[in-house]
């Protein structure tokens, strides 16, 4: 089974955001510290290009030095958006495999424990054929990369278009078929699961979804969260992120998540619109939700008394 990171936080999960690598990978850690992150997610290269300049040992050393200097933990690399291991076009599929293999190598060199990836799209080939191709490709890429420490996290999707991974059963199928065992887990995106039809707006809803995840996959394989509200309505199958509390999930859903003792040690990473200022404000908001009623937070903010951020 995948081994979770031991953060040893006493009263809340490690919180963070996807920070920019502009000017050098190490800058993502400094930006994270400036906005109040415990952890960060990064791209290891330009996310809209197939190939990236090879990482040098010097770049990796500078990145690791910034981790020590800032105290911010880089827990996830997100793979490039162009990658689709279920692609039906042979050239695109080969490029996707090559690019994902490189992502594994880069994550290993940087010492980042988790590589998050959108499983992929079947593009008309059918869901089973798509899942088979993705799972087999995952295994092959892992073997080709030589990576030993990195755990691949399949991200839950909204199910837009022909995207796969919008049902827990699909994720379990791909995980099992890949044969990667403890080197594959799940990153649960709150916006995506809500759009896919898992109602997490209430405590009862969260408990039901958590129980379904545990039955289907196992909570021990849930190793990271993307914490995003949803612009589209429940079950829309549309992927559009919103600021925390400003979408269809609402503050209550996030309060139940952040105070759930089963997720106390699981990193929670923002991917909301609005840049670093939005991240800073939403990290403060999430921390204000820890063991505090939403009504009380609203009253304090109206009275100018909320000092917990």
Foldseek 3Di string as FASTA:
>chain_A
DADADFPPDDFWAFEWAAAEQPPAVLVRLVLGLVLPGQEYEYALAPLADLDGDDDDLVRLVSNVVSCVVRNYHHAEYEHRPQAALLDPPVVSNVSNLVSVLSSLLSCQSNVHAEYEYQQHFNQPPDLVSSLLSSLCSVLVSCVVNVRDRHAYAHEAALCPDRGDRVDLLSVLVSVVSNVPPNRYAHEYEPQNNQLQAQQQLALVSVVVVVVVNCVRPRLVRHAAYAYFAYADHGNNSDDDTAQAQPHHSHPNSLLSVGRDPSCRHHYYYYDHPDPSVSRSVSVQVSQVSRVDDPVVVVVCVVVVNDPRD
